[in-house]
C-alpha cells in the first residue's frame, strides 16, 4: 500500500525521498526490518497471550532427553510468523503483482490449514489433530490454485534470449554492450513476453527444460496441453515441501533456521531472475516482474529470524502446524514462481532427508516384520527413531548441537545451490 502512496507523492508533488520506494532493494530492506520488529517485539505479546489462554503443547513421551520439560510450552506461534510476513508485504510490495498475489494466497491458505490442525489439538484435546487426508486435500487444493495461476494467468511470462551464448560472449567484450543492456532489456531478450512451462535444470549447460516435452508424444500441438503435466507437478512439489517442513519442525529452532537460509537463497535467485543484466550474466531465465518477490521473501526471512529469538533452545513458543505448513508451502511456491523448483532437492536437502528418513523407517519396519516377524522388526529398526533429528537425539546428542550442525549443512547446501549457476 505504501508503494502506491509514495509513488503518488513522488509523481504529483515531487516529495523528497518518496522516489526511494520505487527501488525493490529499499522496500526489501524496510520489509525485513518491520518483519523483525513484529516477530520480536509484538511476538512477545502474542506469546504472553497464548500462555494466558493456556494454549500449550501436549507432548507425547517418546523417551527423549528434555522432552517432558516442553510440556505446556505455548504453541500456534506460527501466527507470529504469518503476521510478520503478511504485514510488511501488504505495506511495501506492489500488491497488483501476480507473483505477490500468489504468495499471499499461499501464506493464508496453508496458515489456515495449520491453524485448524493446531486448534483441534489444543482446544479439542485430540492429539492427532486434523486428519491427514484433509491436510493433503488442502495442500492439493493450493497446488491446483497455484498451478492454474502460473499456467493460465497472462502476466506470468518469461523472455527468451535474442542472441546465442557465443554472440553474447563476443558482444560483452565491448563496453557499449553492457551500457545498452542496462538501458534496454530488449537488447538481450526478446521484447515479447511468452507463456511457457520452462524451468531451470541444475548442472546442465543449456539449463532450461520445458515440462511440455514430457507429453510430446501426444502430437504436434502438445504444448496446448502442457497443463496436464505442469499442474500435477506443482501439486506434488507443494505437498512434498510443505510436509517436509512440517516433519522438520521437531526440535527447537530447526525448521525456522533452515527456512531462513532457504528463503535468503531464493531471494537472491528472485532478484537476479528479475534483473535483465544479472539474468544475462548468469545465463538464467529472465522473468519479468519477478523481482517484486524479493520484498515478500525479505519479510519471510525477517519473520523466521525474529521468531528464532523465542524459538531457539529452550523454546518459549512452538510454531505448530500453523507455521510449519506455511513455511514449507511458501518455499515451494516461491521456487516454482521463479522457475527454480528443480533446485529444491539440493537447497531443501534437510527437508528431503527428514522426509526420506520417515518413509524409509516405515518401509524398512514393514519389510523386517514380513521377513522376520514383529519382535525382530521392533529391535532392528533402520533408525533409532524418525524423523532423522530424533535419531541423533537417541544417540545422545543435545538438540542445540543437532540444530547447529543441521544449519551448517543447510548453509553448505545453499552454497552448492549458488554454484549450480555456473557449474554446468
Protein backbone atom coordinates (compact mmCIF):
# COMPACT_ATOMS: atom_id res chain seq x y z
CA UNK A 1 0.00 0.00 0.00
CA UNK A 2 2.79 2.43 0.89
CA UNK A 3 4.38 1.78 -2.51
CA UNK A 4 1.39 3.28 -4.29
CA UNK A 5 1.07 6.10 -1.77
CA UNK A 6 4.68 7.24 -2.11
CA UNK A 7 4.57 6.77 -5.87
CA UNK A 8 1.64 9.20 -5.93
CA UNK A 9 3.53 11.68 -3.74
CA UNK A 10 6.57 11.42 -5.97
CA UNK A 11 4.68 11.91 -9.22
CA UNK A 12 2.23 14.57 -8.10
CA UNK A 13 4.17 16.59 -5.54
CA UNK A 14 7.80 15.56 -6.07
CA UNK A 15 8.21 14.91 -2.33
CA UNK A 16 11.91 14.43 -1.50
CA UNK A 17 12.70 10.78 -0.74
CA UNK A 18 9.39 9.42 -2.00
CA UNK A 19 11.06 8.06 -5.11
CA UNK A 20 13.10 5.64 -2.97
CA UNK A 21 10.01 3.42 -2.77
CA UNK A 22 10.42 2.64 -6.47
CA UNK A 23 13.52 0.58 -5.65
CA UNK A 24 13.00 -3.06 -4.76
CA UNK A 25 16.13 -3.14 -2.60
CA UNK A 26 14.88 -0.23 -0.46
CA UNK A 27 11.46 -1.78 0.07
CA UNK A 28 13.00 -5.18 0.79
CA UNK A 29 15.18 -3.60 3.49
CA UNK A 30 12.13 -1.98 5.06
CA UNK A 31 10.23 -5.27 4.86
CA UNK A 32 12.88 -7.22 6.73
CA UNK A 33 13.21 -4.51 9.41
CA UNK A 34 9.45 -4.31 10.01
CA UNK A 35 9.19 -8.11 9.95
CA UNK A 36 11.87 -8.41 12.61
CA UNK A 37 10.13 -5.80 14.75
CA UNK A 38 6.77 -7.56 14.50
CA UNK A 39 8.14 -11.01 15.30
CA UNK A 40 10.46 -9.90 18.09
CA UNK A 41 8.52 -7.08 19.75
CA UNK A 42 4.88 -7.94 19.17
CA UNK A 43 5.72 -11.65 19.25
CA UNK A 44 6.35 -11.31 22.98
CA UNK A 45 2.80 -10.06 23.49
CA UNK A 46 1.39 -12.91 21.42
CA UNK A 47 3.36 -15.45 23.47
CA UNK A 48 2.06 -13.87 26.67
CA UNK A 49 -1.49 -14.12 25.33
CA UNK A 50 -1.04 -17.78 24.32
CA UNK A 51 0.32 -18.59 27.77
CA UNK A 52 -2.57 -16.75 29.44
CA UNK A 53 -5.08 -18.74 27.41
CA UNK A 54 -3.15 -21.93 28.25
CA UNK A 55 -2.63 -22.73 24.58
CA UNK A 56 0.20 -25.14 25.34
CA UNK A 57 1.82 -28.06 23.58
CA UNK A 58 0.79 -31.57 24.60
CA UNK A 59 4.00 -33.61 24.40
CA UNK A 60 3.93 -37.37 23.97
CA UNK A 61 6.54 -39.29 25.93
CA UNK A 62 8.99 -40.59 23.32
CA UNK A 63 11.83 -41.16 25.75
CA UNK A 64 13.84 -38.16 24.51
CA UNK A 65 16.04 -36.08 26.80
CA UNK A 66 14.43 -32.80 27.87
CA UNK A 67 11.12 -33.70 26.26
CA UNK A 68 8.95 -33.57 29.36
CA UNK A 69 10.16 -30.02 30.13
CA UNK A 70 8.46 -28.84 26.93
CA UNK A 71 5.04 -29.81 28.22
CA UNK A 72 2.77 -26.75 28.23
CA UNK A 73 5.03 -24.55 26.09
CA UNK A 74 2.77 -22.18 24.10
CA UNK A 75 2.08 -23.38 20.57
CA UNK A 76 0.40 -21.86 17.50
CA UNK A 77 3.31 -19.42 17.36
CA UNK A 78 3.04 -19.66 13.60
CA UNK A 79 0.61 -16.75 13.96
CA UNK A 80 3.67 -14.60 14.74
CA UNK A 81 5.42 -15.75 11.57
CA UNK A 82 2.40 -15.27 9.34
CA UNK A 83 1.73 -11.79 10.74
CA UNK A 84 5.37 -10.82 10.30
CA UNK A 85 5.21 -11.93 6.66
CA UNK A 86 1.87 -10.51 5.60
CA UNK A 87 2.00 -7.07 7.23
CA UNK A 88 5.32 -5.94 5.65
CA UNK A 89 4.23 -7.45 2.33
CA UNK A 90 0.97 -5.51 2.37
CA UNK A 91 2.83 -2.34 3.31
CA UNK A 92 5.78 -2.42 0.93
CA UNK A 93 5.07 -4.75 -2.00
CA UNK A 94 3.26 -3.96 -5.23
CA UNK A 95 0.00 -5.72 -4.42
CA UNK A 96 -1.14 -5.87 -8.05
CA UNK A 97 1.85 -8.02 -8.96
CA UNK A 98 0.63 -11.53 -9.78
CA UNK A 99 3.55 -13.22 -8.03
CA UNK A 100 2.90 -11.31 -4.81
CA UNK A 101 -0.78 -12.30 -5.00
CA UNK A 102 0.20 -15.96 -5.39
CA UNK A 103 2.47 -15.79 -2.33
CA UNK A 104 -0.16 -14.06 -0.18
CA UNK A 105 -2.72 -16.73 -1.11
CA UNK A 106 -0.21 -19.47 -0.27
CA UNK A 107 0.62 -17.96 3.13
CA UNK A 108 -3.00 -17.53 4.19
CA UNK A 109 -4.21 -20.85 2.75
CA UNK A 110 -1.67 -23.10 4.46
CA UNK A 111 -1.69 -20.94 7.58
CA UNK A 112 -5.41 -21.63 7.95
CA UNK A 113 -4.95 -25.38 7.42
CA UNK A 114 -2.21 -25.45 10.04
CA UNK A 115 -4.27 -23.32 12.41
CA UNK A 116 -7.19 -25.74 12.11
CA UNK A 117 -4.87 -28.64 12.91
CA UNK A 118 -3.47 -26.87 15.98
CA UNK A 119 -6.94 -25.79 17.10
CA UNK A 120 -8.15 -29.41 17.10
CA UNK A 121 -5.05 -30.49 19.06
CA UNK A 122 -5.21 -27.72 21.66
CA UNK A 123 -8.90 -26.99 22.16
CA UNK A 124 -10.47 -30.32 21.17
CA UNK A 125 -7.73 -32.24 23.02
CA UNK A 126 -7.27 -34.53 20.02
CA UNK A 127 -3.55 -35.34 19.74
CA UNK A 128 -3.95 -36.44 16.13
CA UNK A 129 -5.23 -33.04 15.04
CA UNK A 130 -6.65 -32.60 11.56
CA UNK A 131 -6.90 -35.91 9.71
CA UNK A 132 -4.01 -36.44 7.31
CA UNK A 133 -6.30 -36.81 4.31
CA UNK A 134 -7.75 -33.35 4.91
CA UNK A 135 -4.27 -31.83 5.17
CA UNK A 136 -3.32 -33.44 1.88
CA UNK A 137 -6.59 -32.29 0.34
CA UNK A 138 -5.83 -28.72 1.41
CA UNK A 139 -2.29 -28.90 0.00
CA UNK A 140 -3.56 -30.35 -3.27
CA UNK A 141 -6.16 -27.56 -3.44
CA UNK A 142 -3.45 -24.94 -3.05
CA UNK A 143 -1.30 -26.68 -5.65
CA UNK A 144 -4.24 -26.59 -8.05
CA UNK A 145 -4.71 -22.83 -7.48
CA UNK A 146 -1.00 -22.05 -7.87
CA UNK A 147 -0.65 -24.31 -10.90
CA UNK A 148 -3.62 -22.72 -12.65
CA UNK A 149 -2.42 -19.19 -11.90
CA UNK A 150 1.09 -19.96 -13.10
CA UNK A 151 -0.18 -21.56 -16.30
CA UNK A 152 -3.21 -19.50 -17.27
CA UNK A 153 -2.52 -16.01 -15.89
CA UNK A 154 -1.39 -13.77 -18.79
CA UNK A 155 1.10 -11.89 -16.58
CA UNK A 156 3.12 -14.99 -15.67
CA UNK A 157 5.59 -14.93 -18.55
CA UNK A 158 9.27 -15.27 -19.47
CA UNK A 159 11.54 -13.69 -22.06
CA UNK A 160 13.76 -15.66 -24.43
CA UNK A 161 17.30 -14.67 -25.37
CA UNK A 162 17.76 -12.99 -28.76
CA UNK A 163 21.45 -13.92 -29.05
CA UNK A 164 23.27 -17.19 -28.82
CA UNK A 165 25.71 -17.75 -25.96
CA UNK A 166 28.69 -17.24 -28.27
CA UNK A 167 27.28 -13.99 -29.71
CA UNK A 168 26.73 -12.63 -26.20
CA UNK A 169 30.29 -13.62 -25.17
CA UNK A 170 31.73 -11.65 -28.08
CA UNK A 171 29.42 -8.69 -27.50
CA UNK A 172 30.37 -8.49 -23.82
CA UNK A 173 33.91 -7.52 -24.84
CA UNK A 174 32.61 -4.06 -25.77
CA UNK A 175 31.68 -1.57 -23.10
CA UNK A 176 28.69 -0.38 -25.11
CA UNK A 177 27.04 -3.79 -24.80
CA UNK A 178 26.82 -3.56 -21.01
CA UNK A 179 25.62 0.03 -21.14
CA UNK A 180 22.98 -0.84 -23.72
CA UNK A 181 21.88 -3.82 -21.64
CA UNK A 182 21.23 -1.61 -18.65
CA UNK A 183 19.25 0.84 -20.74
CA UNK A 184 17.36 -1.60 -22.89
CA UNK A 185 16.47 -5.13 -21.87
CA UNK A 186 15.34 -5.88 -25.43
CA UNK A 187 19.00 -5.82 -26.48
CA UNK A 188 19.42 -9.18 -24.79
CA UNK A 189 15.98 -10.71 -24.63
CA UNK A 190 13.02 -10.84 -26.95
CA UNK A 191 10.66 -7.87 -26.46
CA UNK A 192 7.74 -10.28 -26.47
CA UNK A 193 6.52 -11.97 -23.32
CA UNK A 194 5.80 -15.64 -23.86
CA UNK A 195 3.81 -18.20 -21.91
CA UNK A 196 5.96 -21.21 -21.16
CA UNK A 197 6.22 -24.13 -18.78
CA UNK A 198 10.00 -23.92 -18.73
CA UNK A 199 12.14 -24.36 -15.66
CA UNK A 200 15.82 -24.42 -14.72
CA UNK A 201 17.81 -27.66 -14.63
CA UNK A 202 20.89 -27.61 -12.35
CA UNK A 203 24.30 -28.76 -13.61
CA UNK A 204 23.22 -28.52 -17.26
CA UNK A 205 24.74 -26.06 -19.76
CA UNK A 206 21.65 -25.00 -21.69
CA UNK A 207 19.75 -25.32 -18.48
CA UNK A 208 16.13 -24.80 -19.45
CA UNK A 209 13.64 -27.61 -19.64
CA UNK A 210 10.06 -27.41 -20.85
CA UNK A 211 7.64 -29.66 -18.97
CA UNK A 212 5.52 -29.77 -22.13
CA UNK A 213 8.13 -32.04 -23.71
CA UNK A 214 7.07 -34.80 -21.35
CA UNK A 215 3.85 -35.12 -23.37
CA UNK A 216 5.33 -34.50 -26.83
CA UNK A 217 4.08 -37.96 -27.80
CA UNK A 218 0.56 -36.51 -27.99
CA UNK A 219 1.29 -34.84 -31.31
CA UNK A 220 2.42 -31.57 -32.91
CA UNK A 221 0.06 -29.48 -30.74
CA UNK A 222 1.29 -30.98 -27.48
CA UNK A 223 2.16 -27.58 -25.96
CA UNK A 224 -1.52 -26.69 -25.79
CA UNK A 225 -1.97 -29.49 -23.27
CA UNK A 226 1.09 -28.74 -21.12
CA UNK A 227 -1.18 -28.03 -18.14
CA UNK A 228 -1.88 -31.78 -17.95
CA UNK A 229 1.66 -32.37 -16.70
CA UNK A 230 2.54 -28.94 -15.26
CA UNK A 231 -0.27 -28.61 -12.70
CA UNK A 232 0.24 -32.10 -11.16
CA UNK A 233 3.97 -31.37 -10.81
CA UNK A 234 3.16 -28.13 -8.97
CA UNK A 235 0.78 -30.00 -6.66
CA UNK A 236 3.42 -32.66 -5.93
CA UNK A 237 6.14 -30.12 -5.14
CA UNK A 238 3.96 -28.00 -2.82
CA UNK A 239 2.66 -31.05 -0.96
CA UNK A 240 6.11 -32.62 -0.55
CA UNK A 241 7.95 -29.49 0.64
CA UNK A 242 5.12 -28.41 2.94
CA UNK A 243 5.13 -31.81 4.63
CA UNK A 244 8.93 -31.77 4.74
CA UNK A 245 8.95 -28.52 6.70
CA UNK A 246 6.24 -29.89 8.98
CA UNK A 247 8.29 -33.00 9.78
CA UNK A 248 11.47 -30.96 10.31
CA UNK A 249 9.73 -28.89 12.99
CA UNK A 250 10.56 -31.33 15.75
CA UNK A 251 13.24 -29.62 17.83
CA UNK A 252 13.77 -26.01 18.85
CA UNK A 253 14.81 -23.68 16.04
CA UNK A 254 15.45 -26.30 13.36
CA UNK A 255 12.62 -25.61 10.90
CA UNK A 256 12.82 -21.85 11.46
CA UNK A 257 16.59 -21.59 10.93
CA UNK A 258 16.55 -23.88 7.92
CA UNK A 259 13.70 -21.91 6.34
CA UNK A 260 15.57 -18.62 6.85
CA UNK A 261 18.61 -19.97 4.99
CA UNK A 262 16.47 -21.30 2.16
CA UNK A 263 14.48 -18.06 1.98
CA UNK A 264 17.61 -15.90 1.72
CA UNK A 265 18.92 -18.09 -1.09
CA UNK A 266 15.64 -17.95 -3.01
CA UNK A 267 15.55 -14.18 -2.53
CA UNK A 268 18.86 -13.81 -4.36
CA UNK A 269 17.60 -16.05 -7.16
CA UNK A 270 14.44 -13.95 -7.44
CA UNK A 271 16.45 -10.74 -7.66
CA UNK A 272 18.78 -11.96 -10.43
CA UNK A 273 15.92 -13.63 -12.32
CA UNK A 274 14.02 -10.34 -12.44
CA UNK A 275 17.06 -8.27 -13.45
CA UNK A 276 17.95 -8.31 -17.14
CA UNK A 277 21.68 -7.72 -16.68
CA UNK A 278 22.16 -10.37 -13.98
CA UNK A 279 19.94 -12.84 -15.82
CA UNK A 280 22.12 -12.45 -18.90
CA UNK A 281 25.41 -12.60 -16.98
CA UNK A 282 24.40 -15.78 -15.14
CA UNK A 283 22.73 -17.20 -18.26
CA UNK A 284 19.47 -17.90 -16.45
CA UNK A 285 15.86 -17.37 -17.37
CA UNK A 286 14.68 -13.75 -17.32
CA UNK A 287 11.27 -13.49 -15.63
CA UNK A 288 9.70 -10.03 -15.90
CA UNK A 289 8.22 -8.63 -12.66
CA UNK A 290 9.56 -11.49 -10.53
CA UNK A 291 11.93 -9.12 -8.76
CA UNK A 292 8.98 -7.91 -6.67
CA UNK A 293 9.12 -11.25 -4.88
CA UNK A 294 12.28 -10.04 -3.15
CA UNK A 295 10.12 -7.81 -0.93
CA UNK A 296 7.99 -10.79 0.11
CA UNK A 297 10.93 -13.10 0.77
CA UNK A 298 12.68 -10.38 2.77
CA UNK A 299 9.66 -10.31 5.09
CA UNK A 300 9.76 -14.12 5.18
CA UNK A 301 13.42 -14.21 6.25
CA UNK A 302 12.85 -11.48 8.83
CA UNK A 303 9.89 -13.39 10.25
CA UNK A 304 11.93 -16.60 10.58
CA UNK A 305 14.92 -14.89 12.20
CA UNK A 306 12.71 -12.88 14.54
CA UNK A 307 10.77 -15.99 15.55
CA UNK A 308 14.04 -17.77 16.37
CA UNK A 309 14.52 -15.19 19.16
CA UNK A 310 11.83 -17.10 21.06
CA UNK A 311 12.03 -20.49 19.35
CA UNK A 312 15.75 -21.17 19.90
CA UNK A 313 16.59 -23.67 22.64
CA UNK A 314 14.97 -23.69 25.11
CA UNK A 315 11.91 -22.65 23.11
CA UNK A 316 9.48 -20.17 24.65
CA UNK A 317 6.97 -20.91 21.89
CA UNK A 318 6.39 -23.50 19.19
CA UNK A 319 5.21 -22.57 15.72
CA UNK A 320 2.89 -25.57 15.45
CA UNK A 321 1.44 -26.63 12.12
CA UNK A 322 0.20 -23.06 11.74
CA UNK A 323 3.77 -22.07 10.97
CA UNK A 324 5.46 -25.20 9.63
CA UNK A 325 2.93 -25.98 6.90
CA UNK A 326 3.00 -22.35 5.77
CA UNK A 327 6.81 -22.19 5.70
CA UNK A 328 7.13 -25.26 3.50
CA UNK A 329 4.34 -24.17 1.18
CA UNK A 330 5.83 -20.68 0.80
CA UNK A 331 9.25 -22.10 -0.09
CA UNK A 332 7.77 -24.48 -2.66
CA UNK A 333 5.51 -21.89 -4.29
CA UNK A 334 8.29 -19.30 -4.36
CA UNK A 335 10.68 -21.72 -6.06
CA UNK A 336 8.01 -22.56 -8.65
CA UNK A 337 7.32 -18.86 -9.29
CA UNK A 338 10.97 -18.14 -10.13
CA UNK A 339 11.33 -21.40 -12.10
CA UNK A 340 13.90 -22.91 -9.71
CA UNK A 341 11.84 -25.77 -8.30
CA UNK A 342 14.27 -28.43 -9.56
CA UNK A 343 16.87 -26.95 -7.21
CA UNK A 344 14.68 -27.88 -4.23
CA UNK A 345 16.29 -31.33 -3.67
CA UNK A 346 19.61 -29.53 -3.16
CA UNK A 347 18.53 -26.34 -1.42
CA UNK A 348 15.90 -28.06 0.74
CA UNK A 349 18.11 -31.10 1.33
CA UNK A 350 17.36 -31.11 5.06
CA UNK A 351 13.61 -31.26 4.41
CA UNK A 352 14.22 -34.02 1.86
CA UNK A 353 16.34 -36.14 4.20
CA UNK A 354 13.87 -35.70 7.06
CA UNK A 355 11.05 -36.83 4.78
CA UNK A 356 13.03 -39.79 3.47
CA UNK A 357 14.01 -40.90 6.97
CA UNK A 358 10.34 -41.29 7.89
CA UNK A 359 9.48 -43.11 4.65
CA UNK A 360 12.48 -45.46 4.90
CA UNK A 361 11.79 -46.17 8.56
CA UNK A 362 8.22 -47.21 7.83
CA UNK A 363 9.02 -49.39 4.81
CA UNK A 364 12.05 -51.00 6.46
CA UNK A 365 9.95 -51.87 9.50
CA UNK A 366 7.27 -53.42 7.32
CA UNK A 367 9.89 -55.37 5.37
CA UNK A 368 11.53 -56.79 8.50
CA UNK A 369 8.14 -57.58 10.02
CA UNK A 370 7.16 -59.56 6.93
CA UNK A 371 10.50 -61.37 6.69
CA UNK A 372 11.48 -61.95 10.33
CA UNK A 373 8.48 -61.11 12.48
CA UNK A 374 7.26 -58.22 14.61
CA UNK A 375 9.72 -58.65 17.50
CA UNK A 376 12.76 -58.60 15.23
CA UNK A 377 11.40 -55.59 13.36
CA UNK A 378 10.95 -53.63 16.60
CA UNK A 379 14.50 -54.25 17.76
CA UNK A 380 16.20 -53.79 14.38
CA UNK A 381 14.87 -50.51 13.06
CA UNK A 382 16.76 -48.63 10.36
CA UNK A 383 16.95 -45.55 12.61
CA UNK A 384 16.64 -45.47 16.37
CA UNK A 385 13.78 -43.07 15.76
CA UNK A 386 12.47 -40.95 12.90
CA UNK A 387 12.49 -38.19 11.70
CA UNK A 388 16.27 -38.08 11.49
CA UNK A 389 16.79 -35.39 14.14
CA UNK A 390 15.21 -37.69 16.74
CA UNK A 391 17.63 -40.43 15.70
CA UNK A 392 20.53 -38.21 16.77
CA UNK A 393 18.74 -37.34 19.99
CA UNK A 394 18.50 -41.06 20.73
CA UNK A 395 22.24 -41.31 20.11
CA UNK A 396 22.76 -38.81 22.92
CA UNK A 397 23.37 -35.55 21.04
CA UNK A 398 21.91 -32.43 22.63
CA UNK A 399 19.24 -30.84 20.46
CA UNK A 400 21.04 -27.49 20.29
CA UNK A 401 24.08 -29.27 18.80
CA UNK A 402 21.85 -31.10 16.32
CA UNK A 403 20.22 -27.84 15.23
CA UNK A 404 23.56 -26.05 14.86
CA UNK A 405 25.03 -28.83 12.72
CA UNK A 406 21.90 -29.10 10.58
CA UNK A 407 22.01 -25.34 9.98
CA UNK A 408 25.67 -25.57 8.96
CA UNK A 409 24.69 -28.26 6.47
CA UNK A 410 21.84 -26.02 5.30
CA UNK A 411 24.32 -23.21 4.59
CA UNK A 412 26.55 -25.63 2.69
CA UNK A 413 23.59 -26.74 0.59
CA UNK A 414 22.74 -23.10 -0.13
CA UNK A 415 26.30 -22.51 -1.36
CA UNK A 416 26.10 -25.60 -3.58
CA UNK A 417 22.81 -24.25 -4.97
CA UNK A 418 24.54 -20.99 -5.91
CA UNK A 419 27.37 -22.92 -7.53
CA UNK A 420 24.87 -24.58 -9.89
CA UNK A 421 24.50 -21.20 -11.62
CA UNK A 422 27.99 -21.51 -13.06
CA UNK A 423 28.90 -25.19 -12.66
CA UNK A 424 27.33 -26.67 -15.79
